[in-house]
Amino acid sequence: GKFSNQTGAVECQVCPIGRAAPSRGSLQCSFCDPGRFGNATQLERCLDCATGYFMPETGATKCSACTTGRYATLQASLTCLGCEAGTFANETASSVCSQCPTGQFANGTGATECVQCSTGKFAILPGSLQCVDCQAGRFGNTTG
């Protein structure tokens, strides 16, 4: 967490936030790598961004939360991914996307909510990409 780049120095300098000096005798502090951050001075190592957070730049002092419709399942993520079709994330900092419940669908990526099937259509399985028409001789008089 400290460094010295001067010969004969009496004491070492403290690494600023967003940087770390991992070993004794460091000549400089290194910027935190993408996916990591340094939120205090004098760090020996930068911290990984938590799941649901990301950081694409070096020298970060904090990570950014994934926006709704996006997720990051791994620590130290550089980016968030859009929820796959049939899934959604309606909160920020999501580490997973949830399947759309039966009677609802999401046909695109990055959904923040699922859409109810209209009258005369249904989605019997969770995680549906679309609703299908009721078969001949059957009907659906409610949405979902």
C-alpha atoms as a PDB file:
ATOM      1  CA  GLY A   1       0.000   0.000   0.000  1.00  0.00           C
ATOM      2  CA  LYS A   2       3.049   2.292   0.026  1.00  0.00           C
ATOM      3  CA  PHE A   3       5.836   3.083  -2.414  1.00  0.00           C
ATOM      4  CA  SER A   4       9.027   5.051  -2.806  1.00  0.00           C
ATOM      5  CA  ASN A   5      10.522   6.213  -6.061  1.00  0.00           C
ATOM      6  CA  GLN A   6      13.411   8.099  -4.469  1.00  0.00           C
ATOM      7  CA  THR A   7      16.798   6.749  -3.451  1.00  0.00           C
ATOM      8  CA  GLY A   8      17.526   7.242   0.254  1.00  0.00           C
ATOM      9  CA  ALA A   9      13.918   8.045   1.183  1.00  0.00           C
ATOM     10  CA  VAL A  10      13.215   8.042   4.924  1.00  0.00           C
ATOM     11  CA  GLU A  11       9.596   6.929   4.541  1.00  0.00           C
ATOM     12  CA  CYS A  12       7.340   5.614   1.819  1.00  0.00           C
ATOM     13  CA  GLN A  13       4.453   7.459   0.246  1.00  0.00           C
ATOM     14  CA  VAL A  14       0.882   6.202   0.550  1.00  0.00           C
ATOM     15  CA  CYS A  15      -0.896   4.960  -2.579  1.00  0.00           C
ATOM     16  CA  PRO A  16      -3.940   7.112  -3.416  1.00  0.00           C
ATOM     17  CA  ILE A  17      -7.422   5.657  -3.935  1.00  0.00           C
ATOM     18  CA  GLY A  18      -7.826   3.783  -7.210  1.00  0.00           C
ATOM     19  CA  ARG A  19      -4.259   2.439  -6.964  1.00  0.00           C
ATOM     20  CA  ALA A  20      -2.361  -0.258  -5.059  1.00  0.00           C
ATOM     21  CA  ALA A  21       1.203  -1.340  -4.305  1.00  0.00           C
ATOM     22  CA  PRO A  22       1.173  -5.102  -3.819  1.00  0.00           C
ATOM     23  CA  SER A  23       4.689  -5.721  -2.523  1.00  0.00           C
ATOM     24  CA  ARG A  24       7.340  -4.327  -0.227  1.00  0.00           C
ATOM     25  CA  GLY A  25       9.814  -2.178  -2.077  1.00  0.00           C
ATOM     26  CA  SER A  26       7.351  -0.992  -4.729  1.00  0.00           C
ATOM     27  CA  LEU A  27       8.624   1.870  -6.862  1.00  0.00           C
ATOM     28  CA  GLN A  28       5.126   3.048  -7.749  1.00  0.00           C
ATOM     29  CA  CYS A  29       1.450   2.381  -7.199  1.00  0.00           C
ATOM     30  CA  SER A  30      -0.374   0.605  -9.986  1.00  0.00           C
ATOM     31  CA  PHE A  31      -3.809   1.656 -11.202  1.00  0.00           C
ATOM     32  CA  CYS A  32      -6.524  -0.855 -10.375  1.00  0.00           C
ATOM     33  CA  ASP A  33      -7.275  -3.064 -13.399  1.00  0.00           C
ATOM     34  CA  PRO A  34     -10.661  -3.003 -15.150  1.00  0.00           C
ATOM     35  CA  GLY A  35     -13.172  -5.014 -13.115  1.00  0.00           C
ATOM     36  CA  ARG A  36     -11.457  -3.933  -9.887  1.00  0.00           C
ATOM     37  CA  PHE A  37     -11.435  -0.818  -7.715  1.00  0.00           C
ATOM     38  CA  GLY A  38      -9.592   0.845  -4.846  1.00  0.00           C
ATOM     39  CA  ASN A  39     -11.825   2.728  -2.413  1.00  0.00           C
ATOM     40  CA  ALA A  40      -9.187   3.610   0.185  1.00  0.00           C
ATOM     41  CA  THR A  41      -5.587   4.780   0.355  1.00  0.00           C
ATOM     42  CA  GLN A  42      -2.696   2.458   1.162  1.00  0.00           C
ATOM     43  CA  LEU A  43      -4.144  -0.663  -0.509  1.00  0.00           C
ATOM     44  CA  GLU A  44      -1.923  -3.642  -1.164  1.00  0.00           C
ATOM     45  CA  ARG A  45      -4.359  -5.002  -3.731  1.00  0.00           C
ATOM     46  CA  CYS A  46      -7.409  -3.712  -5.524  1.00  0.00           C
ATOM     47  CA  LEU A  47     -10.824  -5.241  -4.816  1.00  0.00           C
ATOM     48  CA  ASP A  48     -12.987  -7.144  -7.313  1.00  0.00           C
ATOM     49  CA  CYS A  49     -16.276  -5.604  -8.367  1.00  0.00           C
ATOM     50  CA  ALA A  50     -19.107  -7.632  -6.809  1.00  0.00           C
ATOM     51  CA  THR A  51     -21.585  -9.605  -8.912  1.00  0.00           C
ATOM     52  CA  GLY A  52     -24.148  -7.231 -10.410  1.00  0.00           C
ATOM     53  CA  TYR A  53     -21.473  -4.514 -10.774  1.00  0.00           C
ATOM     54  CA  PHE A  54     -18.884  -3.717 -13.438  1.00  0.00           C
ATOM     55  CA  MET A  55     -16.002  -1.392 -14.260  1.00  0.00           C
ATOM     56  CA  PRO A  56     -14.458  -1.151 -17.750  1.00  0.00           C
ATOM     57  CA  GLU A  57     -11.762   1.406 -16.854  1.00  0.00           C
ATOM     58  CA  THR A  58      -8.490   1.371 -14.916  1.00  0.00           C
ATOM     59  CA  GLY A  59      -7.956   3.308 -11.679  1.00  0.00           C
ATOM     60  CA  ALA A  60     -11.567   3.106 -10.496  1.00  0.00           C
ATOM     61  CA  THR A  61     -12.535   4.102  -6.966  1.00  0.00           C
ATOM     62  CA  LYS A  62     -15.885   2.262  -7.174  1.00  0.00           C
ATOM     63  CA  CYS A  63     -17.772  -0.031  -9.517  1.00  0.00           C
ATOM     64  CA  SER A  64     -20.989   0.775 -11.367  1.00  0.00           C
ATOM     65  CA  ALA A  65     -24.221  -1.158 -10.873  1.00  0.00           C
ATOM     66  CA  CYS A  66     -25.716  -3.004 -13.838  1.00  0.00           C
ATOM     67  CA  THR A  67     -28.826  -1.165 -15.026  1.00  0.00           C
ATOM     68  CA  THR A  68     -32.242  -2.847 -15.178  1.00  0.00           C
ATOM     69  CA  GLY A  69     -32.451  -5.437 -17.945  1.00  0.00           C
ATOM     70  CA  ARG A  70     -28.736  -6.242 -17.552  1.00  0.00           C
ATOM     71  CA  TYR A  71     -26.698  -8.515 -15.256  1.00  0.00           C
ATOM     72  CA  ALA A  72     -23.162  -9.587 -14.271  1.00  0.00           C
ATOM     73  CA  THR A  73     -22.837 -13.083 -12.803  1.00  0.00           C
ATOM     74  CA  LEU A  74     -19.091 -12.936 -12.196  1.00  0.00           C
ATOM     75  CA  GLN A  75     -17.012 -10.816  -9.867  1.00  0.00           C
ATOM     76  CA  ALA A  76     -14.557  -8.417 -11.549  1.00  0.00           C
ATOM     77  CA  SER A  77     -16.829  -7.961 -14.588  1.00  0.00           C
ATOM     78  CA  LEU A  78     -15.847  -5.438 -17.243  1.00  0.00           C
ATOM     79  CA  THR A  79     -19.400  -5.100 -18.553  1.00  0.00           C
ATOM     80  CA  CYS A  80     -22.970  -6.188 -17.914  1.00  0.00           C
ATOM     81  CA  LEU A  81     -24.862  -8.451 -20.301  1.00  0.00           C
ATOM     82  CA  GLY A  82     -28.437  -7.979 -21.486  1.00  0.00           C
ATOM     83  CA  CYS A  83     -30.948 -10.487 -20.161  1.00  0.00           C
ATOM     84  CA  GLU A  84     -31.658 -13.186 -22.747  1.00  0.00           C
ATOM     85  CA  ALA A  85     -35.081 -13.427 -24.390  1.00  0.00           C
ATOM     86  CA  GLY A  86     -37.574 -15.016 -21.997  1.00  0.00           C
ATOM     87  CA  THR A  87     -35.881 -13.467 -18.964  1.00  0.00           C
ATOM     88  CA  PHE A  88     -35.851 -10.073 -17.255  1.00  0.00           C
ATOM     89  CA  ALA A  89     -34.149  -8.028 -14.519  1.00  0.00           C
ATOM     90  CA  ASN A  90     -36.291  -5.297 -12.945  1.00  0.00           C
ATOM     91  CA  GLU A  91     -33.705  -4.110 -10.406  1.00  0.00           C
ATOM     92  CA  THR A  92     -30.274  -2.556 -10.737  1.00  0.00           C
ATOM     93  CA  ALA A  93     -27.174  -4.529  -9.703  1.00  0.00           C
ATOM     94  CA  SER A  94     -28.648  -7.869 -10.817  1.00  0.00           C
ATOM     95  CA  SER A  95     -26.357 -10.886 -10.841  1.00  0.00           C
ATOM     96  CA  VAL A  96     -28.938 -13.053 -12.666  1.00  0.00           C
ATOM     97  CA  CYS A  97     -32.033 -12.569 -14.782  1.00  0.00           C
ATOM     98  CA  SER A  98     -35.329 -14.216 -13.818  1.00  0.00           C
ATOM     99  CA  GLN A  99     -37.459 -16.289 -16.158  1.00  0.00           C
ATOM    100  CA  CYS A 100     -40.748 -14.768 -17.222  1.00  0.00           C
ATOM    101  CA  PRO A 101     -43.562 -16.518 -15.322  1.00  0.00           C
ATOM    102  CA  THR A 102     -46.182 -18.617 -17.122  1.00  0.00           C
ATOM    103  CA  GLY A 103     -48.663 -16.451 -18.990  1.00  0.00           C
ATOM    104  CA  GLN A 104     -45.990 -13.846 -19.777  1.00  0.00           C
ATOM    105  CA  PHE A 105     -43.151 -13.474 -22.293  1.00  0.00           C
ATOM    106  CA  ALA A 106     -40.109 -11.389 -23.279  1.00  0.00           C
ATOM    107  CA  ASN A 107     -39.124 -11.711 -26.934  1.00  0.00           C
ATOM    108  CA  GLY A 108     -36.067  -9.456 -26.935  1.00  0.00           C
ATOM    109  CA  THR A 109     -32.854  -9.108 -24.957  1.00  0.00           C
ATOM    110  CA  GLY A 110     -32.450  -6.650 -22.091  1.00  0.00           C
ATOM    111  CA  ALA A 111     -36.029  -6.902 -20.795  1.00  0.00           C
ATOM    112  CA  THR A 112     -36.880  -5.063 -17.582  1.00  0.00           C
ATOM    113  CA  GLU A 113     -40.271  -6.756 -17.333  1.00  0.00           C
ATOM    114  CA  CYS A 114     -42.317  -9.447 -19.041  1.00  0.00           C
ATOM    115  CA  VAL A 115     -45.452  -8.845 -21.097  1.00  0.00           C
ATOM    116  CA  GLN A 116     -48.752 -10.573 -20.305  1.00  0.00           C
ATOM    117  CA  CYS A 117     -50.213 -12.765 -23.023  1.00  0.00           C
ATOM    118  CA  SER A 118     -53.293 -11.179 -24.558  1.00  0.00           C
ATOM    119  CA  THR A 119     -56.755 -12.740 -24.487  1.00  0.00           C
ATOM    120  CA  GLY A 120     -56.900 -15.878 -26.659  1.00  0.00           C
ATOM    121  CA  LYS A 121     -53.176 -16.573 -26.272  1.00  0.00           C
ATOM    122  CA  PHE A 122     -51.071 -18.398 -23.669  1.00  0.00           C
ATOM    123  CA  ALA A 123     -47.523 -19.193 -22.572  1.00  0.00           C
ATOM    124  CA  ILE A 124     -47.555 -22.394 -20.563  1.00  0.00           C
ATOM    125  CA  LEU A 125     -43.828 -22.536 -19.771  1.00  0.00           C
ATOM    126  CA  PRO A 126     -41.782 -20.082 -17.736  1.00  0.00           C
ATOM    127  CA  GLY A 127     -39.181 -18.236 -19.808  1.00  0.00           C
ATOM    128  CA  SER A 128     -41.380 -18.025 -22.910  1.00  0.00           C
ATOM    129  CA  LEU A 129     -40.298 -15.940 -25.890  1.00  0.00           C
ATOM    130  CA  GLN A 130     -43.829 -15.541 -27.191  1.00  0.00           C
ATOM    131  CA  CYS A 131     -47.452 -16.402 -26.557  1.00  0.00           C
ATOM    132  CA  VAL A 132     -49.251 -18.876 -28.799  1.00  0.00           C
ATOM    133  CA  ASP A 133     -52.882 -18.934 -29.917  1.00  0.00           C
ATOM    134  CA  CYS A 134     -55.315 -21.141 -28.044  1.00  0.00           C
ATOM    135  CA  GLN A 135     -56.092 -24.308 -30.033  1.00  0.00           C
ATOM    136  CA  ALA A 136     -59.377 -24.700 -31.916  1.00  0.00           C
ATOM    137  CA  GLY A 137     -62.121 -25.669 -29.483  1.00  0.00           C
ATOM    138  CA  ARG A 138     -60.372 -23.957 -26.556  1.00  0.00           C
ATOM    139  CA  PHE A 139     -60.400 -20.367 -25.446  1.00  0.00           C
ATOM    140  CA  GLY A 140     -58.712 -17.971 -23.062  1.00  0.00           C
ATOM    141  CA  ASN A 141     -60.892 -15.202 -21.736  1.00  0.00           C
ATOM    142  CA  THR A 142     -58.264 -13.614 -19.498  1.00  0.00           C
ATOM    143  CA  THR A 143     -54.852 -12.135 -20.102  1.00  0.00           C
ATOM    144  CA  GLY A 144     -51.818 -14.151 -19.056  1.00  0.00           C
END
